[in-house]
Structure formats: structure tokens, C-alpha cells
C-alpha atoms as a PDB file:
ATOM      1  CA  MET A   1      -8.914  18.437  22.526  1.00  0.00           C
ATOM      2  CA  PHE A   2      -6.894  15.749  20.724  1.00  0.00           C
ATOM      3  CA  LEU A   3      -7.688  15.702  17.016  1.00  0.00           C
ATOM      4  CA  ARG A   4      -6.798  12.527  15.183  1.00  0.00           C
ATOM      5  CA  PRO A   5      -5.286  12.923  11.700  1.00  0.00           C
ATOM      6  CA  ARG A   6      -7.804  11.796   9.081  1.00  0.00           C
ATOM      7  CA  VAL A   7      -6.465   8.973   6.911  1.00  0.00           C
ATOM      8  CA  ALA A   8      -8.126   8.154   3.584  1.00  0.00           C
ATOM      9  CA  ILE A   9      -8.134   4.424   2.783  1.00  0.00           C
ATOM     10  CA  LEU A  10      -9.490   3.281  -0.570  1.00  0.00           C
ATOM     11  CA  GLY A  11     -11.803   0.257  -0.333  1.00  0.00           C
ATOM     12  CA  ARG A  12     -11.123  -2.889  -2.326  1.00  0.00           C
ATOM     13  CA  PHE A  13     -13.237  -4.963  -4.686  1.00  0.00           C
ATOM     14  CA  SER A  14     -13.494  -8.719  -4.170  1.00  0.00           C
ATOM     15  CA  LYS A  15     -14.529 -11.385  -6.672  1.00  0.00           C
ATOM     16  CA  LYS A  16     -13.872 -14.422  -4.529  1.00  0.00           C
ATOM     17  CA  ALA A  17     -15.842 -13.963  -1.331  1.00  0.00           C
ATOM     18  CA  SER A  18     -17.490 -17.269  -0.471  1.00  0.00           C
ATOM     19  CA  ALA A  19     -20.315 -15.816   1.649  1.00  0.00           C
ATOM     20  CA  ILE A  20     -21.940 -13.865  -1.207  1.00  0.00           C
ATOM     21  CA  ARG A  21     -23.163 -14.669  -4.698  1.00  0.00           C
ATOM     22  CA  PHE A  22     -21.599 -11.771  -6.569  1.00  0.00           C
ATOM     23  CA  GLY A  23     -18.463  -9.666  -6.591  1.00  0.00           C
ATOM     24  CA  GLU A  24     -18.732  -6.936  -3.980  1.00  0.00           C
ATOM     25  CA  VAL A  25     -16.930  -4.093  -2.282  1.00  0.00           C
ATOM     26  CA  LEU A  26     -15.929  -5.636   1.023  1.00  0.00           C
ATOM     27  CA  SER A  27     -14.133  -4.781   4.208  1.00  0.00           C
ATOM     28  CA  ALA A  28     -11.979  -7.892   4.162  1.00  0.00           C
ATOM     29  CA  ARG A  29     -10.514  -9.101   7.428  1.00  0.00           C
ATOM     30  CA  GLU A  30      -7.091  -7.731   6.476  1.00  0.00           C
ATOM     31  CA  LEU A  31      -8.549  -4.323   5.621  1.00  0.00           C
ATOM     32  CA  VAL A  32     -10.411  -4.233   8.916  1.00  0.00           C
ATOM     33  CA  GLU A  33      -7.142  -5.023  10.689  1.00  0.00           C
ATOM     34  CA  LEU A  34      -5.482  -2.169   8.804  1.00  0.00           C
ATOM     35  CA  VAL A  35      -8.232   0.222   9.850  1.00  0.00           C
ATOM     36  CA  GLU A  36      -7.821  -0.840  13.474  1.00  0.00           C
ATOM     37  CA  LEU A  37      -4.045  -0.441  13.214  1.00  0.00           C
ATOM     38  CA  VAL A  38      -4.493   3.139  11.980  1.00  0.00           C
ATOM     39  CA  TRP A  39      -6.907   3.862  14.827  1.00  0.00           C
ATOM     40  CA  THR A  40      -4.629   2.358  17.484  1.00  0.00           C
ATOM     41  CA  ALA A  41      -1.688   4.362  16.130  1.00  0.00           C
ATOM     42  CA  GLY A  42      -3.731   7.527  16.648  1.00  0.00           C
ATOM     43  CA  GLY A  43      -5.379   8.097  13.272  1.00  0.00           C
ATOM     44  CA  GLU A  44      -8.991   8.489  12.126  1.00  0.00           C
ATOM     45  CA  PRO A  45      -9.427   5.998   9.259  1.00  0.00           C
ATOM     46  CA  ILE A  46     -11.914   6.976   6.551  1.00  0.00           C
ATOM     47  CA  THR A  47     -12.757   4.408   3.874  1.00  0.00           C
ATOM     48  CA  TYR A  48     -13.694   5.645   0.404  1.00  0.00           C
ATOM     49  CA  LEU A  49     -15.394   3.488  -2.218  1.00  0.00           C
ATOM     50  CA  PRO A  50     -13.844   3.185  -5.680  1.00  0.00           C
ATOM     51  CA  VAL A  51     -16.191   5.112  -7.979  1.00  0.00           C
ATOM     52  CA  PRO A  52     -15.662   6.466 -11.507  1.00  0.00           C
ATOM     53  CA  ASP A  53     -14.604  10.066 -12.091  1.00  0.00           C
ATOM     54  CA  ARG A  54     -14.261  11.086  -8.455  1.00  0.00           C
ATOM     55  CA  ASP A  55     -12.875  14.594  -8.021  1.00  0.00           C
ATOM     56  CA  TRP A  56     -10.145  13.812  -5.503  1.00  0.00           C
ATOM     57  CA  SER A  57      -9.113  17.452  -5.271  1.00  0.00           C
ATOM     58  CA  PHE A  58     -12.462  17.901  -3.532  1.00  0.00           C
ATOM     59  CA  GLY A  59     -12.590  14.460  -1.919  1.00  0.00           C
ATOM     60  CA  LEU A  60      -9.308  14.996  -0.081  1.00  0.00           C
ATOM     61  CA  GLN A  61     -10.402  18.219   1.557  1.00  0.00           C
ATOM     62  CA  GLY A  62     -10.020  17.698   5.294  1.00  0.00           C
ATOM     63  CA  VAL A  63      -7.915  14.568   4.767  1.00  0.00           C
ATOM     64  CA  ASP A  64      -4.454  14.559   6.338  1.00  0.00           C
ATOM     65  CA  ALA A  65      -2.885  11.415   4.862  1.00  0.00           C
ATOM     66  CA  VAL A  66      -3.547   8.623   2.351  1.00  0.00           C
ATOM     67  CA  LEU A  67      -3.039   4.894   2.865  1.00  0.00           C
ATOM     68  CA  LEU A  68      -3.141   2.637  -0.201  1.00  0.00           C
ATOM     69  CA  PRO A  69      -3.892  -0.894   1.068  1.00  0.00           C
ATOM     70  CA  GLY A  70      -3.234  -4.331  -0.351  1.00  0.00           C
ATOM     71  CA  GLY A  71      -5.583  -6.015  -2.777  1.00  0.00           C
ATOM     72  CA  GLY A  72      -5.765  -7.743  -6.149  1.00  0.00           C
ATOM     73  CA  ASP A  73      -3.341  -7.326  -9.032  1.00  0.00           C
ATOM     74  CA  ILE A  74      -2.892  -4.261 -11.204  1.00  0.00           C
ATOM     75  CA  ASP A  75      -3.780  -4.775 -14.867  1.00  0.00           C
ATOM     76  CA  PRO A  76      -0.441  -5.621 -16.556  1.00  0.00           C
ATOM     77  CA  ALA A  77      -1.434  -3.311 -19.406  1.00  0.00           C
ATOM     78  CA  CYS A  78      -0.824  -0.409 -17.009  1.00  0.00           C
ATOM     79  CA  TYR A  79       2.911  -1.132 -16.988  1.00  0.00           C
ATOM     80  CA  GLY A  80       3.475  -2.801 -20.349  1.00  0.00           C
ATOM     81  CA  GLY A  81       3.410  -6.239 -18.792  1.00  0.00           C
ATOM     82  CA  GLU A  82       2.200  -9.546 -20.132  1.00  0.00           C
ATOM     83  CA  VAL A  83      -0.949 -11.482 -19.314  1.00  0.00           C
ATOM     84  CA  HIS A  84      -0.187 -14.271 -16.838  1.00  0.00           C
ATOM     85  CA  SER A  85      -2.470 -17.049 -15.613  1.00  0.00           C
ATOM     86  CA  GLU A  86      -1.640 -16.188 -11.985  1.00  0.00           C
ATOM     87  CA  VAL A  87      -2.777 -12.545 -12.258  1.00  0.00           C
ATOM     88  CA  TYR A  88      -6.037 -12.185 -10.327  1.00  0.00           C
ATOM     89  CA  ASP A  89      -8.852  -9.777  -9.412  1.00  0.00           C
ATOM     90  CA  VAL A  90      -7.911  -7.194 -12.044  1.00  0.00           C
ATOM     91  CA  ASP A  91     -10.449  -4.372 -12.100  1.00  0.00           C
ATOM     92  CA  VAL A  92     -10.146  -1.279 -14.306  1.00  0.00           C
ATOM     93  CA  LEU A  93     -12.138   0.934 -11.929  1.00  0.00           C
ATOM     94  CA  GLN A  94     -10.057  -0.164  -8.949  1.00  0.00           C
ATOM     95  CA  ASP A  95      -6.825   0.616 -10.801  1.00  0.00           C
ATOM     96  CA  GLN A  96      -8.011   4.004 -12.007  1.00  0.00           C
ATOM     97  CA  SER A  97      -9.289   4.953  -8.563  1.00  0.00           C
ATOM     98  CA  ASP A  98      -5.895   4.095  -7.044  1.00  0.00           C
ATOM     99  CA  PHE A  99      -3.983   6.071  -9.655  1.00  0.00           C
ATOM    100  CA  ASP A 100      -6.298   9.078  -9.399  1.00  0.00           C
ATOM    101  CA  LEU A 101      -6.045   9.107  -5.600  1.00  0.00           C
ATOM    102  CA  THR A 102      -2.259   8.782  -5.803  1.00  0.00           C
ATOM    103  CA  GLU A 103      -2.018  11.681  -8.233  1.00  0.00           C
ATOM    104  CA  ALA A 104      -4.162  13.913  -6.034  1.00  0.00           C
ATOM    105  CA  ALA A 105      -2.321  12.970  -2.845  1.00  0.00           C
ATOM    106  CA  LEU A 106       1.112  13.628  -4.342  1.00  0.00           C
ATOM    107  CA  ALA A 107      -0.122  16.959  -5.706  1.00  0.00           C
ATOM    108  CA  THR A 108      -1.207  18.079  -2.238  1.00  0.00           C
ATOM    109  CA  GLY A 109       1.991  16.825  -0.570  1.00  0.00           C
ATOM    110  CA  ILE A 110       0.199  14.960   2.221  1.00  0.00           C
ATOM    111  CA  PRO A 111       1.858  11.799   3.622  1.00  0.00           C
ATOM    112  CA  VAL A 112       1.245   8.621   1.615  1.00  0.00           C
ATOM    113  CA  LEU A 113       1.844   5.005   2.634  1.00  0.00           C
ATOM    114  CA  GLY A 114       1.378   2.133   0.200  1.00  0.00           C
ATOM    115  CA  VAL A 115       1.015  -1.432   1.503  1.00  0.00           C
ATOM    116  CA  CYS A 116       1.723  -4.375  -0.840  1.00  0.00           C
ATOM    117  CA  ARG A 117      -0.527  -3.562  -3.851  1.00  0.00           C
ATOM    118  CA  GLY A 118      -0.363   0.033  -2.639  1.00  0.00           C
ATOM    119  CA  MET A 119       3.418  -0.005  -3.067  1.00  0.00           C
ATOM    120  CA  HIS A 120       2.969  -1.418  -6.563  1.00  0.00           C
ATOM    121  CA  ILE A 121       0.504   1.368  -7.365  1.00  0.00           C
ATOM    122  CA  LEU A 122       3.106   3.985  -6.399  1.00  0.00           C
ATOM    123  CA  ASN A 123       5.735   2.319  -8.586  1.00  0.00           C
ATOM    124  CA  VAL A 124       3.492   1.886 -11.622  1.00  0.00           C
ATOM    125  CA  PHE A 125       2.117   5.427 -11.254  1.00  0.00           C
ATOM    126  CA  LYS A 126       5.703   6.670 -11.559  1.00  0.00           C
ATOM    127  CA  GLY A 127       6.263   4.624 -14.708  1.00  0.00           C
ATOM    128  CA  GLY A 128       7.768   1.514 -13.147  1.00  0.00           C
ATOM    129  CA  SER A 129       6.964  -2.121 -13.893  1.00  0.00           C
ATOM    130  CA  LEU A 130       6.192  -5.307 -11.971  1.00  0.00           C
ATOM    131  CA  VAL A 131       7.087  -8.971 -12.120  1.00  0.00           C
ATOM    132  CA  GLU A 132       3.773 -10.494 -13.226  1.00  0.00           C
ATOM    133  CA  HIS A 133       4.394 -13.661 -11.207  1.00  0.00           C
ATOM    134  CA  MET A 134       7.419 -14.434  -9.054  1.00  0.00           C
ATOM    135  CA  GLN A 135       9.163 -17.751  -9.550  1.00  0.00           C
ATOM    136  CA  ASP A 136       9.010 -18.191  -5.771  1.00  0.00           C
ATOM    137  CA  PRO A 137       5.969 -16.262  -4.530  1.00  0.00           C
ATOM    138  CA  HIS A 138       6.055 -14.775  -1.036  1.00  0.00           C
ATOM    139  CA  ARG A 139       2.656 -16.036   0.051  1.00  0.00           C
ATOM    140  CA  HIS A 140       1.871 -16.931   3.672  1.00  0.00           C
ATOM    141  CA  MET A 141       5.484 -16.111   4.409  1.00  0.00           C
ATOM    142  CA  VAL A 142       7.190 -14.550   7.419  1.00  0.00           C
ATOM    143  CA  GLN A 143      10.760 -13.384   6.911  1.00  0.00           C
ATOM    144  CA  ASN A 144      13.362 -10.998   8.256  1.00  0.00           C
ATOM    145  CA  VAL A 145      14.482  -7.834   6.488  1.00  0.00           C
ATOM    146  CA  ALA A 146      17.036  -5.181   7.458  1.00  0.00           C
ATOM    147  CA  ILE A 147      15.588  -1.658   7.498  1.00  0.00           C
ATOM    148  CA  PRO A 148      18.160   1.162   7.364  1.00  0.00           C
ATOM    149  CA  GLU A 149      17.539   4.431   9.178  1.00  0.00           C
ATOM    150  CA  SER A 150      17.588   6.175   5.805  1.00  0.00           C
ATOM    151  CA  ALA A 151      14.337   4.391   4.870  1.00  0.00           C
ATOM    152  CA  GLY A 152      12.522   6.814   7.188  1.00  0.00           C
ATOM    153  CA  LEU A 153      10.004   4.244   8.393  1.00  0.00           C
ATOM    154  CA  GLY A 154      10.419   4.810  12.117  1.00  0.00           C
ATOM    155  CA  ILE A 155      11.931   1.346  12.523  1.00  0.00           C
ATOM    156  CA  VAL A 156      15.598   0.416  12.138  1.00  0.00           C
ATOM    157  CA  GLY A 157      17.454  -2.868  12.003  1.00  0.00           C
ATOM    158  CA  ASP A 158      16.327  -6.444  11.421  1.00  0.00           C
ATOM    159  CA  ILE A 159      12.559  -6.779  11.640  1.00  0.00           C
ATOM    160  CA  THR A 160      10.136  -9.617  11.009  1.00  0.00           C
ATOM    161  CA  ILE A 161       7.593  -9.049   8.246  1.00  0.00           C
ATOM    162  CA  SER A 162       4.476 -10.890   7.092  1.00  0.00           C
ATOM    163  CA  CYS A 163       4.249 -11.244   3.314  1.00  0.00           C
ATOM    164  CA  TYR A 164       1.474 -12.276   0.969  1.00  0.00           C
ATOM    165  CA  HIS A 165       2.315 -11.412  -2.624  1.00  0.00           C
ATOM    166  CA  HIS A 166       3.203 -13.099  -5.882  1.00  0.00           C
ATOM    167  CA  GLN A 167       4.311  -9.937  -7.676  1.00  0.00           C
ATOM    168  CA  ALA A 168       7.202  -7.581  -7.047  1.00  0.00           C
ATOM    169  CA  ILE A 169       8.822  -4.455  -8.441  1.00  0.00           C
ATOM    170  CA  ARG A 170      10.760  -5.221 -11.619  1.00  0.00           C
ATOM    171  CA  GLU A 171      11.892  -1.749 -12.702  1.00  0.00           C
ATOM    172  CA  PRO A 172      11.562   1.174 -10.280  1.00  0.00           C
ATOM    173  CA  GLY A 173       9.661   4.155 -11.642  1.00  0.00           C
ATOM    174  CA  GLU A 174      10.927   7.710 -11.921  1.00  0.00           C
ATOM    175  CA  GLY A 175      12.036   8.968  -8.516  1.00  0.00           C
ATOM    176  CA  ILE A 176      11.428   5.588  -6.858  1.00  0.00           C
ATOM    177  CA  GLU A 177      14.204   4.622  -4.462  1.00  0.00           C
ATOM    178  CA  VAL A 178      14.294   1.071  -3.123  1.00  0.00           C
ATOM    179  CA  THR A 179      15.235   1.466   0.542  1.00  0.00           C
ATOM    180  CA  ALA A 180      15.138  -2.159   1.732  1.00  0.00           C
ATOM    181  CA  ARG A 181      15.369  -5.557   0.050  1.00  0.00           C
ATOM    182  CA  ALA A 182      14.757  -9.135   1.109  1.00  0.00           C
ATOM    183  CA  GLY A 183      17.535 -11.710   0.903  1.00  0.00           C
ATOM    184  CA  ASP A 184      16.432 -12.717  -2.594  1.00  0.00           C
ATOM    185  CA  GLY A 185      16.573  -9.118  -3.817  1.00  0.00           C
ATOM    186  CA  THR A 186      12.838  -8.412  -3.670  1.00  0.00           C
ATOM    187  CA  ALA A 187      12.124  -4.745  -2.993  1.00  0.00           C
ATOM    188  CA  GLU A 188      10.520  -4.573   0.454  1.00  0.00           C
ATOM    189  CA  ALA A 189      10.388  -0.790   0.986  1.00  0.00           C
ATOM    190  CA  ILE A 190      10.475   2.247  -1.289  1.00  0.00           C
ATOM    191  CA  SER A 191      10.426   6.026  -1.152  1.00  0.00           C
ATOM    192  CA  ILE A 192       9.486   8.551  -3.823  1.00  0.00           C
ATOM    193  CA  ILE A 193      12.239  11.148  -3.961  1.00  0.00           C
ATOM    194  CA  GLY A 194      11.000  14.728  -3.832  1.00  0.00           C
ATOM    195  CA  ALA A 195       7.436  13.800  -2.925  1.00  0.00           C
ATOM    196  CA  GLY A 196       7.455  14.590   0.782  1.00  0.00           C
ATOM    197  CA  TRP A 197       6.838  11.561   2.990  1.00  0.00           C
ATOM    198  CA  CYS A 198       5.728   8.994   0.413  1.00  0.00           C
ATOM    199  CA  LYS A 199       6.673   5.416   1.273  1.00  0.00           C
ATOM    200  CA  GLY A 200       5.719   1.911   0.297  1.00  0.00           C
ATOM    201  CA  VAL A 201       6.194  -1.429   2.041  1.00  0.00           C
ATOM    202  CA  GLN A 202       5.796  -4.805   0.396  1.00  0.00           C
ATOM    203  CA  TRP A 203       4.685  -6.525   3.576  1.00  0.00           C
ATOM    204  CA  HIS A 204       1.424  -6.368   5.543  1.00  0.00           C
ATOM    205  CA  PRO A 205       1.902  -4.578   8.884  1.00  0.00           C
ATOM    206  CA  GLU A 206      -1.742  -5.268   9.719  1.00  0.00           C
ATOM    207  CA  ASP A 207      -1.017  -9.012   9.897  1.00  0.00           C
ATOM    208  CA  THR A 208       1.250  -8.910  12.938  1.00  0.00           C
ATOM    209  CA  TRP A 209       0.901  -5.496  14.596  1.00  0.00           C
ATOM    210  CA  ARG A 210      -0.883  -6.847  17.670  1.00  0.00           C
ATOM    211  CA  ASN A 211       2.219  -8.803  18.655  1.00  0.00           C
ATOM    212  CA  ASP A 212       4.927  -6.811  16.901  1.00  0.00           C
ATOM    213  CA  PRO A 213       5.602  -3.249  18.101  1.00  0.00           C
ATOM    214  CA  ASP A 214       7.673  -2.534  14.981  1.00  0.00           C
ATOM    215  CA  GLN A 215       4.523  -2.524  12.857  1.00  0.00           C
ATOM    216  CA  LEU A 216       2.785  -0.107  15.204  1.00  0.00           C
ATOM    217  CA  SER A 217       5.893   2.097  15.124  1.00  0.00           C
ATOM    218  CA  LEU A 218       5.696   2.165  11.320  1.00  0.00           C
ATOM    219  CA  MET A 219       2.102   3.394  11.421  1.00  0.00           C
ATOM    220  CA  ARG A 220       2.884   5.981  14.093  1.00  0.00           C
ATOM    221  CA  GLU A 221       5.767   7.298  12.005  1.00  0.00           C
ATOM    222  CA  PHE A 222       3.390   7.656   9.042  1.00  0.00           C
ATOM    223  CA  LEU A 223       0.869   9.584  11.140  1.00  0.00           C
ATOM    224  CA  ALA A 224       3.598  11.726  12.731  1.00  0.00           C
ATOM    225  CA  GLN A 225       4.277  13.260   9.318  1.00  0.00           C
ATOM    226  CA  VAL A 226       0.933  15.045   9.466  1.00  0.00           C
ATOM    227  CA  TYR A 227       2.146  17.450  12.152  1.00  0.00           C
END
């Protein structure tokens, strides 16, 4: 019987959903697309809610991999940054849940993939910093980036990526290796040295995977690390 690798995905808070009166934990369209991408690539996506003081050493039992999805901004206080008017959807519980899950996942050595905010979480967790607001944000932007084989993402060469971010890595954290950059120097992919298969991508593979086999290949490479 084929057993799908179980992939933990941490849910995201939203403060700007127009269909409800209050801030909620939502499965946004992009997160749903990410879940479907994991499933199509052969994984069993499991969404966890951000809650205080979760014991992830117990919560990750039976989990094979961790995917840190996109979302709102990390509190600049977490990386010694400055308050900026463009920083949005900061939530202390969301940040702490991400950092706690990251710590537990790296301790177990299971594969980890960070997407957009998820990549920022990996960098900040390792002591790195972020640009609070880019002079030229990469929002609603499709661009090309060259991915070297050494990035270990299962895709090589010039690929097309879908971006939606206004922050970027400023200083890489300890053990963070930038493995691909955009034409303007923005870090588009990272690895954590000595942490098994732990990667981050700045773009959103869930945006274009239905029409772009490179994005499906990325997810399959992530899941292949389980075996």
C-alpha cells in the first residue's frame, strides 16, 4: 500500500478578510492551493492551528516533513528591525508558533521547506535580519531566476517564479546559504548548512504549479527527502 508522507503545514491568521467581521484563522486561497500542491506531489498535508505553548516534540510524532507557508510579516523586533508603516498582519502568537515549529523540526532532522514568509522565518530563526520594506516591492510580479544544481531544489536552470512580497533577507543568519538570487540581488532561495534538507524559496510555487511543471518538481523533490 502506498503511504503518503505526512506534511505539517502551520495555519495562518488573517486580519483583513472581507467576508467576516473579525480576524480569524483562515484557509486562504493561496494556502488551499499549497495544500493541493502537496497532495498532487504525493504528500498528505496536515494543517495545524497556531496555539500557545504547543509541545511540538509531541505534535510532530508521525509527521515526515514540515512546510512553512507564506503569510503576514514577522514582528521586526524579532530581528532587531525598525517599525515601518508597510509592515502588516504582525501577530506574536503566529511568530512564536513558527519559531517553535522550526526549532522542533530542525531538532528532528526532518525535511523543511519555507515559502516566502516561511523562508524569512528560517532566516530570522538563525539570527538573520530582513529588509522591513523593499524600495521596489516584488508584489504581483512574475520574473525569471537561475537555479543552480547546487541549490538542491530538484529544478535547474532559468525558471519563472511568481512573487508577492515586500520584504527580503538583509543579513543571512548563521548557517544560511543563499543559493539563488534575482537580477536585483534579492535572495530567492536558501539552504541551512548542516541541517539536512532545509530549504527556503522566496516565491510562491502554489501560484503557478498547475501550469508550470517546475513548481511541481520542487514539491516532489521536497517530499522525496522523506525516503
